[in-house]
């Protein structure tokens, strides 16, 4: 009877040990066969550097040329921030006029200035599209300042006209060039402008200049903007 009892105990021990091993193997198999979650792929959103070579012919202030550099940085899937800086010099068109008319050196214009602009863009895109490409709406502000002297003598004597232009616009546009290095940005809109001119005799003598002779369009507070920029996408 003792041998029978020992046989039953041995059989129970073997069955229990087999069940434990089988459970361990199954649990380990579950861990080994676990499917890893694929990583989410994010769309590349480039830094855009833009300019407009045509602005060199005529800038935002009369008689000027504009050498413009604009950078657009994507801030979310549907928006971006844009900032631009420009150097203002004498327009090559006005240089040609001075040359053709034989304007003496004492009456040729000497121009130096700058411009800064900033904008926030909101892209009207679907789920499969990403900024900064497609149609957009954008509030924009800019400020331009240029010193224009008539002749080198007045320039060296610190005597010049001080042009100060402020603009606030609401623009709509479309930027093309998705999946390409070259981009094209068309835009237009309406806005407000404030054009002021001061005359500097020297550092201590400054007075406002009457701009009535510049015409109604120059003095009007309303502004129509139409423009284009060509860009390079940096991924």
C-alpha atoms as a PDB file:
ATOM      1  CA  UNK A   1       0.000   0.000   0.000  1.00  0.00           C
ATOM      2  CA  UNK A   2       2.931   2.230   0.685  1.00  0.00           C
ATOM      3  CA  UNK A   3       4.240   1.600  -2.798  1.00  0.00           C
ATOM      4  CA  UNK A   4       0.843   2.519  -4.288  1.00  0.00           C
ATOM      5  CA  UNK A   5       0.742   5.761  -2.306  1.00  0.00           C
ATOM      6  CA  UNK A   6       4.240   6.612  -3.467  1.00  0.00           C
ATOM      7  CA  UNK A   7       3.209   5.934  -7.063  1.00  0.00           C
ATOM      8  CA  UNK A   8       0.225   8.313  -6.809  1.00  0.00           C
ATOM      9  CA  UNK A   9       2.427  11.024  -5.269  1.00  0.00           C
ATOM     10  CA  UNK A  10       5.020  10.625  -7.969  1.00  0.00           C
ATOM     11  CA  UNK A  11       2.359  10.868 -10.697  1.00  0.00           C
ATOM     12  CA  UNK A  12       0.841  13.996  -9.085  1.00  0.00           C
ATOM     13  CA  UNK A  13       4.287  15.621  -8.848  1.00  0.00           C
ATOM     14  CA  UNK A  14       5.011  14.922 -12.522  1.00  0.00           C
ATOM     15  CA  UNK A  15       1.617  16.303 -13.645  1.00  0.00           C
ATOM     16  CA  UNK A  16       1.985  19.449 -11.533  1.00  0.00           C
ATOM     17  CA  UNK A  17       5.541  20.073 -12.737  1.00  0.00           C
ATOM     18  CA  UNK A  18       4.462  19.577 -16.383  1.00  0.00           C
ATOM     19  CA  UNK A  19       1.585  22.047 -16.008  1.00  0.00           C
ATOM     20  CA  UNK A  20       3.889  24.669 -14.496  1.00  0.00           C
ATOM     21  CA  UNK A  21       6.454  24.275 -17.277  1.00  0.00           C
ATOM     22  CA  UNK A  22       3.733  24.455 -19.932  1.00  0.00           C
ATOM     23  CA  UNK A  23       2.316  27.682 -18.408  1.00  0.00           C
ATOM     24  CA  UNK A  24       5.777  29.256 -18.309  1.00  0.00           C
ATOM     25  CA  UNK A  25       6.440  28.366 -21.953  1.00  0.00           C
ATOM     26  CA  UNK A  26       3.053  29.746 -23.060  1.00  0.00           C
ATOM     27  CA  UNK A  27       3.586  32.988 -21.148  1.00  0.00           C
ATOM     28  CA  UNK A  28       7.044  33.365 -22.614  1.00  0.00           C
ATOM     29  CA  UNK A  29       5.658  32.700 -26.108  1.00  0.00           C
ATOM     30  CA  UNK A  30       3.144  35.495 -25.668  1.00  0.00           C
ATOM     31  CA  UNK A  31       5.934  37.943 -24.812  1.00  0.00           C
ATOM     32  CA  UNK A  32       8.072  36.826 -27.758  1.00  0.00           C
ATOM     33  CA  UNK A  33       5.179  37.035 -30.230  1.00  0.00           C
ATOM     34  CA  UNK A  34       4.070  40.531 -29.142  1.00  0.00           C
ATOM     35  CA  UNK A  35       3.683  42.812 -32.215  1.00  0.00           C
ATOM     36  CA  UNK A  36       5.586  46.131 -31.926  1.00  0.00           C
ATOM     37  CA  UNK A  37       3.642  49.332 -32.718  1.00  0.00           C
ATOM     38  CA  UNK A  38       4.983  51.064 -35.871  1.00  0.00           C
ATOM     39  CA  UNK A  39       6.527  54.485 -35.361  1.00  0.00           C
ATOM     40  CA  UNK A  40       4.511  57.484 -36.525  1.00  0.00           C
ATOM     41  CA  UNK A  41       5.949  59.205 -39.571  1.00  0.00           C
ATOM     42  CA  UNK A  42       5.935  63.021 -39.427  1.00  0.00           C
ATOM     43  CA  UNK A  43       5.805  65.196 -42.529  1.00  0.00           C
ATOM     44  CA  UNK A  44       8.942  67.255 -43.142  1.00  0.00           C
ATOM     45  CA  UNK A  45       8.219  70.972 -42.861  1.00  0.00           C
ATOM     46  CA  UNK A  46      10.978  73.093 -44.378  1.00  0.00           C
ATOM     47  CA  UNK A  47      12.477  76.471 -43.622  1.00  0.00           C
ATOM     48  CA  UNK A  48      11.727  78.739 -46.593  1.00  0.00           C
ATOM     49  CA  UNK A  49      14.085  81.535 -47.660  1.00  0.00           C
ATOM     50  CA  UNK A  50      12.464  83.922 -50.145  1.00  0.00           C
ATOM     51  CA  UNK A  51      13.103  87.073 -52.131  1.00  0.00           C
ATOM     52  CA  UNK A  52      11.824  89.040 -55.109  1.00  0.00           C
ATOM     53  CA  UNK A  53      14.417  90.241 -57.657  1.00  0.00           C
ATOM     54  CA  UNK A  54      11.858  92.662 -59.121  1.00  0.00           C
ATOM     55  CA  UNK A  55      11.874  94.651 -55.862  1.00  0.00           C
ATOM     56  CA  UNK A  56      15.388  95.815 -56.738  1.00  0.00           C
ATOM     57  CA  UNK A  57      13.881  97.973 -59.500  1.00  0.00           C
ATOM     58  CA  UNK A  58      11.514  99.910 -57.196  1.00  0.00           C
ATOM     59  CA  UNK A  59      11.124  99.586 -53.427  1.00  0.00           C
ATOM     60  CA  UNK A  60       8.438 100.480 -50.867  1.00  0.00           C
ATOM     61  CA  UNK A  61       9.607 104.138 -50.693  1.00  0.00           C
ATOM     62  CA  UNK A  62       9.854 106.412 -53.776  1.00  0.00           C
ATOM     63  CA  UNK A  63      13.211 106.320 -55.627  1.00  0.00           C
ATOM     64  CA  UNK A  64      14.405 103.286 -53.665  1.00  0.00           C
ATOM     65  CA  UNK A  65      15.400  99.724 -54.529  1.00  0.00           C
ATOM     66  CA  UNK A  66      14.782  96.853 -52.118  1.00  0.00           C
ATOM     67  CA  UNK A  67      17.147  93.937 -51.491  1.00  0.00           C
ATOM     68  CA  UNK A  68      14.835  91.585 -49.625  1.00  0.00           C
ATOM     69  CA  UNK A  69      15.322  88.397 -47.606  1.00  0.00           C
ATOM     70  CA  UNK A  70      12.282  86.681 -46.073  1.00  0.00           C
ATOM     71  CA  UNK A  71      12.280  83.582 -43.847  1.00  0.00           C
ATOM     72  CA  UNK A  72       9.176  81.472 -43.160  1.00  0.00           C
ATOM     73  CA  UNK A  73       9.180  78.978 -40.287  1.00  0.00           C
ATOM     74  CA  UNK A  74       6.394  76.417 -39.808  1.00  0.00           C
ATOM     75  CA  UNK A  75       4.900  76.600 -36.308  1.00  0.00           C
ATOM     76  CA  UNK A  76       2.210  73.887 -36.627  1.00  0.00           C
ATOM     77  CA  UNK A  77       0.531  71.700 -39.223  1.00  0.00           C
ATOM     78  CA  UNK A  78      -1.652  74.613 -40.357  1.00  0.00           C
ATOM     79  CA  UNK A  79       0.316  77.779 -39.524  1.00  0.00           C
ATOM     80  CA  UNK A  80       3.684  79.497 -39.891  1.00  0.00           C
ATOM     81  CA  UNK A  81       5.541  82.659 -38.890  1.00  0.00           C
ATOM     82  CA  UNK A  82       7.305  84.888 -41.396  1.00  0.00           C
ATOM     83  CA  UNK A  83       9.839  87.676 -40.943  1.00  0.00           C
ATOM     84  CA  UNK A  84      11.697  89.728 -43.529  1.00  0.00           C
ATOM     85  CA  UNK A  85      14.523  92.265 -43.574  1.00  0.00           C
ATOM     86  CA  UNK A  86      15.551  94.494 -46.469  1.00  0.00           C
ATOM     87  CA  UNK A  87      18.229  96.982 -47.409  1.00  0.00           C
ATOM     88  CA  UNK A  88      17.031 100.042 -49.328  1.00  0.00           C
ATOM     89  CA  UNK A  89      19.261 101.815 -51.824  1.00  0.00           C
ATOM     90  CA  UNK A  90      18.793 103.976 -54.918  1.00  0.00           C
ATOM     91  CA  UNK A  91      16.636 102.449 -57.628  1.00  0.00           C
ATOM     92  CA  UNK A  92      18.500 101.531 -60.841  1.00  0.00           C
ATOM     93  CA  UNK A  93      15.553 103.012 -62.728  1.00  0.00           C
ATOM     94  CA  UNK A  94      16.174 106.391 -61.088  1.00  0.00           C
ATOM     95  CA  UNK A  95      19.898 106.043 -61.748  1.00  0.00           C
ATOM     96  CA  UNK A  96      19.055 105.636 -65.430  1.00  0.00           C
ATOM     97  CA  UNK A  97      16.880 108.753 -65.333  1.00  0.00           C
ATOM     98  CA  UNK A  98      19.739 110.751 -63.783  1.00  0.00           C
ATOM     99  CA  UNK A  99      22.146 109.447 -66.404  1.00  0.00           C
ATOM    100  CA  UNK A 100      19.867 110.116 -69.373  1.00  0.00           C
ATOM    101  CA  UNK A 101      18.971 113.620 -68.197  1.00  0.00           C
ATOM    102  CA  UNK A 102      22.569 114.451 -67.283  1.00  0.00           C
ATOM    103  CA  UNK A 103      21.728 115.341 -63.681  1.00  0.00           C
ATOM    104  CA  UNK A 104      24.718 117.080 -62.031  1.00  0.00           C
ATOM    105  CA  UNK A 105      26.363 115.353 -59.059  1.00  0.00           C
ATOM    106  CA  UNK A 106      25.100 118.106 -56.753  1.00  0.00           C
ATOM    107  CA  UNK A 107      21.508 117.045 -57.508  1.00  0.00           C
ATOM    108  CA  UNK A 108      21.837 113.256 -57.712  1.00  0.00           C
ATOM    109  CA  UNK A 109      20.094 111.352 -54.947  1.00  0.00           C
ATOM    110  CA  UNK A 110      21.933 109.541 -52.190  1.00  0.00           C
ATOM    111  CA  UNK A 111      19.687 106.922 -50.549  1.00  0.00           C
ATOM    112  CA  UNK A 112      20.128 104.587 -47.594  1.00  0.00           C
ATOM    113  CA  UNK A 113      17.436 102.747 -45.652  1.00  0.00           C
ATOM    114  CA  UNK A 114      15.937  99.539 -44.367  1.00  0.00           C
ATOM    115  CA  UNK A 115      12.667  97.651 -44.020  1.00  0.00           C
ATOM    116  CA  UNK A 116      11.369  95.003 -41.618  1.00  0.00           C
ATOM    117  CA  UNK A 117       8.177  92.964 -41.964  1.00  0.00           C
ATOM    118  CA  UNK A 118       6.424  90.247 -39.959  1.00  0.00           C
ATOM    119  CA  UNK A 119       3.418  88.022 -40.627  1.00  0.00           C
ATOM    120  CA  UNK A 120       1.493  85.087 -39.184  1.00  0.00           C
ATOM    121  CA  UNK A 121       0.039  82.698 -41.761  1.00  0.00           C
ATOM    122  CA  UNK A 122      -2.959  80.390 -41.386  1.00  0.00           C
ATOM    123  CA  UNK A 123      -3.171  77.718 -44.085  1.00  0.00           C
ATOM    124  CA  UNK A 124      -6.551  76.503 -45.331  1.00  0.00           C
ATOM    125  CA  UNK A 125      -5.618  72.845 -45.828  1.00  0.00           C
ATOM    126  CA  UNK A 126      -7.106  69.351 -45.531  1.00  0.00           C
ATOM    127  CA  UNK A 127      -5.966  66.534 -43.262  1.00  0.00           C
ATOM    128  CA  UNK A 128      -3.399  65.292 -45.778  1.00  0.00           C
ATOM    129  CA  UNK A 129      -1.869  68.706 -46.348  1.00  0.00           C
ATOM    130  CA  UNK A 130       0.675  70.555 -44.248  1.00  0.00           C
ATOM    131  CA  UNK A 131       1.944  74.121 -43.953  1.00  0.00           C
ATOM    132  CA  UNK A 132       3.662  75.982 -45.537  1.00  0.00           C
ATOM    133  CA  UNK A 133       2.047  75.049 -48.876  1.00  0.00           C
ATOM    134  CA  UNK A 134      -1.397  75.812 -50.256  1.00  0.00           C
ATOM    135  CA  UNK A 135      -3.870  78.649 -49.719  1.00  0.00           C
ATOM    136  CA  UNK A 136      -3.510  80.890 -46.668  1.00  0.00           C
ATOM    137  CA  UNK A 137      -4.785  84.000 -44.862  1.00  0.00           C
ATOM    138  CA  UNK A 138      -2.201  86.258 -43.226  1.00  0.00           C
ATOM    139  CA  UNK A 139      -2.142  89.452 -41.120  1.00  0.00           C
ATOM    140  CA  UNK A 140       1.062  91.346 -41.880  1.00  0.00           C
ATOM    141  CA  UNK A 141       2.835  94.475 -40.630  1.00  0.00           C
ATOM    142  CA  UNK A 142       5.874  96.263 -42.027  1.00  0.00           C
ATOM    143  CA  UNK A 143       7.931  99.375 -41.375  1.00  0.00           C
ATOM    144  CA  UNK A 144      10.270 101.112 -43.830  1.00  0.00           C
ATOM    145  CA  UNK A 145      12.709 103.951 -43.245  1.00  0.00           C
ATOM    146  CA  UNK A 146      14.938 105.695 -45.789  1.00  0.00           C
ATOM    147  CA  UNK A 147      17.152 108.798 -45.756  1.00  0.00           C
ATOM    148  CA  UNK A 148      17.267 110.600 -49.096  1.00  0.00           C
ATOM    149  CA  UNK A 149      19.780 113.406 -49.641  1.00  0.00           C
ATOM    150  CA  UNK A 150      19.956 115.631 -52.725  1.00  0.00           C
ATOM    151  CA  UNK A 151      23.639 115.680 -53.599  1.00  0.00           C
ATOM    152  CA  UNK A 152      26.706 114.417 -51.754  1.00  0.00           C
ATOM    153  CA  UNK A 153      27.300 117.759 -50.052  1.00  0.00           C
ATOM    154  CA  UNK A 154      23.952 117.615 -48.248  1.00  0.00           C
ATOM    155  CA  UNK A 155      24.535 113.932 -47.457  1.00  0.00           C
ATOM    156  CA  UNK A 156      27.862 114.644 -45.748  1.00  0.00           C
ATOM    157  CA  UNK A 157      26.313 117.619 -43.921  1.00  0.00           C
ATOM    158  CA  UNK A 158      23.642 115.292 -42.494  1.00  0.00           C
ATOM    159  CA  UNK A 159      20.871 117.045 -44.400  1.00  0.00           C
ATOM    160  CA  UNK A 160      18.233 114.659 -45.783  1.00  0.00           C
ATOM    161  CA  UNK A 161      14.560 113.737 -46.152  1.00  0.00           C
ATOM    162  CA  UNK A 162      13.499 111.066 -43.659  1.00  0.00           C
ATOM    163  CA  UNK A 163      10.772 108.776 -45.104  1.00  0.00           C
ATOM    164  CA  UNK A 164       8.864 106.638 -42.579  1.00  0.00           C
ATOM    165  CA  UNK A 165       6.271 104.169 -43.876  1.00  0.00           C
ATOM    166  CA  UNK A 166       4.117 101.893 -41.701  1.00  0.00           C
ATOM    167  CA  UNK A 167       1.745  99.262 -43.178  1.00  0.00           C
ATOM    168  CA  UNK A 168      -0.763  96.809 -41.692  1.00  0.00           C
ATOM    169  CA  UNK A 169      -2.369  94.408 -44.173  1.00  0.00           C
ATOM    170  CA  UNK A 170      -4.658  91.404 -44.386  1.00  0.00           C
ATOM    171  CA  UNK A 171      -3.387  89.171 -47.188  1.00  0.00           C
ATOM    172  CA  UNK A 172      -4.637  86.071 -48.963  1.00  0.00           C
ATOM    173  CA  UNK A 173      -2.350  83.980 -51.109  1.00  0.00           C
ATOM    174  CA  UNK A 174      -1.129  80.624 -52.285  1.00  0.00           C
ATOM    175  CA  UNK A 175       2.322  79.110 -51.934  1.00  0.00           C
ATOM    176  CA  UNK A 176       3.379  76.468 -54.444  1.00  0.00           C
ATOM    177  CA  UNK A 177       6.361  74.151 -54.469  1.00  0.00           C
ATOM    178  CA  UNK A 178       5.422  71.154 -52.330  1.00  0.00           C
ATOM    179  CA  UNK A 179       8.014  68.355 -52.721  1.00  0.00           C
ATOM    180  CA  UNK A 180      10.304  70.778 -54.562  1.00  0.00           C
ATOM    181  CA  UNK A 181      13.283  72.941 -53.639  1.00  0.00           C
ATOM    182  CA  UNK A 182      11.890  75.954 -55.517  1.00  0.00           C
ATOM    183  CA  UNK A 183       8.758  77.690 -54.196  1.00  0.00           C
ATOM    184  CA  UNK A 184       6.547  80.492 -55.531  1.00  0.00           C
ATOM    185  CA  UNK A 185       4.388  82.641 -53.261  1.00  0.00           C
ATOM    186  CA  UNK A 186       1.573  84.787 -54.761  1.00  0.00           C
ATOM    187  CA  UNK A 187      -0.329  87.145 -52.447  1.00  0.00           C
ATOM    188  CA  UNK A 188      -2.573  90.194 -52.381  1.00  0.00           C
ATOM    189  CA  UNK A 189      -4.850  92.101 -50.050  1.00  0.00           C
ATOM    190  CA  UNK A 190      -5.984  95.340 -48.452  1.00  0.00           C
ATOM    191  CA  UNK A 191      -4.616  97.321 -45.555  1.00  0.00           C
ATOM    192  CA  UNK A 192      -3.814 100.548 -43.756  1.00  0.00           C
ATOM    193  CA  UNK A 193      -0.742 102.720 -44.304  1.00  0.00           C
ATOM    194  CA  UNK A 194       0.807 105.750 -42.677  1.00  0.00           C
ATOM    195  CA  UNK A 195       3.391 107.603 -44.773  1.00  0.00           C
ATOM    196  CA  UNK A 196       5.314 110.402 -43.064  1.00  0.00           C
ATOM    197  CA  UNK A 197       8.276 112.482 -44.179  1.00  0.00           C
ATOM    198  CA  UNK A 198      10.565 114.708 -42.093  1.00  0.00           C
ATOM    199  CA  UNK A 199      13.343 117.032 -43.188  1.00  0.00           C
ATOM    200  CA  UNK A 200      16.640 117.002 -41.259  1.00  0.00           C
ATOM    201  CA  UNK A 201      18.811 120.117 -41.414  1.00  0.00           C
ATOM    202  CA  UNK A 202      21.150 118.450 -38.928  1.00  0.00           C
ATOM    203  CA  UNK A 203      20.789 116.310 -35.806  1.00  0.00           C
ATOM    204  CA  UNK A 204      19.043 119.109 -33.900  1.00  0.00           C
ATOM    205  CA  UNK A 205      16.802 120.636 -36.590  1.00  0.00           C
ATOM    206  CA  UNK A 206      14.001 118.330 -37.687  1.00  0.00           C
ATOM    207  CA  UNK A 207      10.610 119.348 -39.045  1.00  0.00           C
ATOM    208  CA  UNK A 208       7.668 117.556 -40.723  1.00  0.00           C
ATOM    209  CA  UNK A 209       7.579 117.824 -44.503  1.00  0.00           C
ATOM    210  CA  UNK A 210       4.351 118.565 -46.402  1.00  0.00           C
ATOM    211  CA  UNK A 211       3.678 115.590 -48.704  1.00  0.00           C
ATOM    212  CA  UNK A 212       0.732 117.077 -50.636  1.00  0.00           C
ATOM    213  CA  UNK A 213       2.884 117.279 -53.765  1.00  0.00           C
ATOM    214  CA  UNK A 214       3.338 113.482 -53.671  1.00  0.00           C
ATOM    215  CA  UNK A 215      -0.300 112.970 -54.681  1.00  0.00           C
ATOM    216  CA  UNK A 216      -3.505 111.538 -53.243  1.00  0.00           C
ATOM    217  CA  UNK A 217      -2.384 107.927 -53.516  1.00  0.00           C
ATOM    218  CA  UNK A 218       0.726 108.516 -51.407  1.00  0.00           C
ATOM    219  CA  UNK A 219      -1.238 110.329 -48.694  1.00  0.00           C
ATOM    220  CA  UNK A 220      -4.246 108.004 -48.629  1.00  0.00           C
ATOM    221  CA  UNK A 221      -4.474 105.715 -45.549  1.00  0.00           C
ATOM    222  CA  UNK A 222      -5.713 102.812 -47.700  1.00  0.00           C
ATOM    223  CA  UNK A 223      -3.342 100.379 -49.339  1.00  0.00           C
ATOM    224  CA  UNK A 224      -3.682  97.671 -51.998  1.00  0.00           C
ATOM    225  CA  UNK A 225      -0.974  95.022 -51.953  1.00  0.00           C
ATOM    226  CA  UNK A 226      -0.096  92.606 -54.765  1.00  0.00           C
ATOM    227  CA  UNK A 227       3.167  90.694 -54.691  1.00  0.00           C
ATOM    228  CA  UNK A 228       5.224  87.601 -55.389  1.00  0.00           C
ATOM    229  CA  UNK A 229       8.217  85.952 -53.729  1.00  0.00           C
ATOM    230  CA  UNK A 230      10.447  83.180 -55.028  1.00  0.00           C
ATOM    231  CA  UNK A 231      11.898  80.824 -52.451  1.00  0.00           C
ATOM    232  CA  UNK A 232      14.238  77.971 -51.611  1.00  0.00           C
ATOM    233  CA  UNK A 233      13.026  75.166 -49.326  1.00  0.00           C
ATOM    234  CA  UNK A 234      15.569  73.859 -46.811  1.00  0.00           C
ATOM    235  CA  UNK A 235      14.586  70.437 -45.410  1.00  0.00           C
END
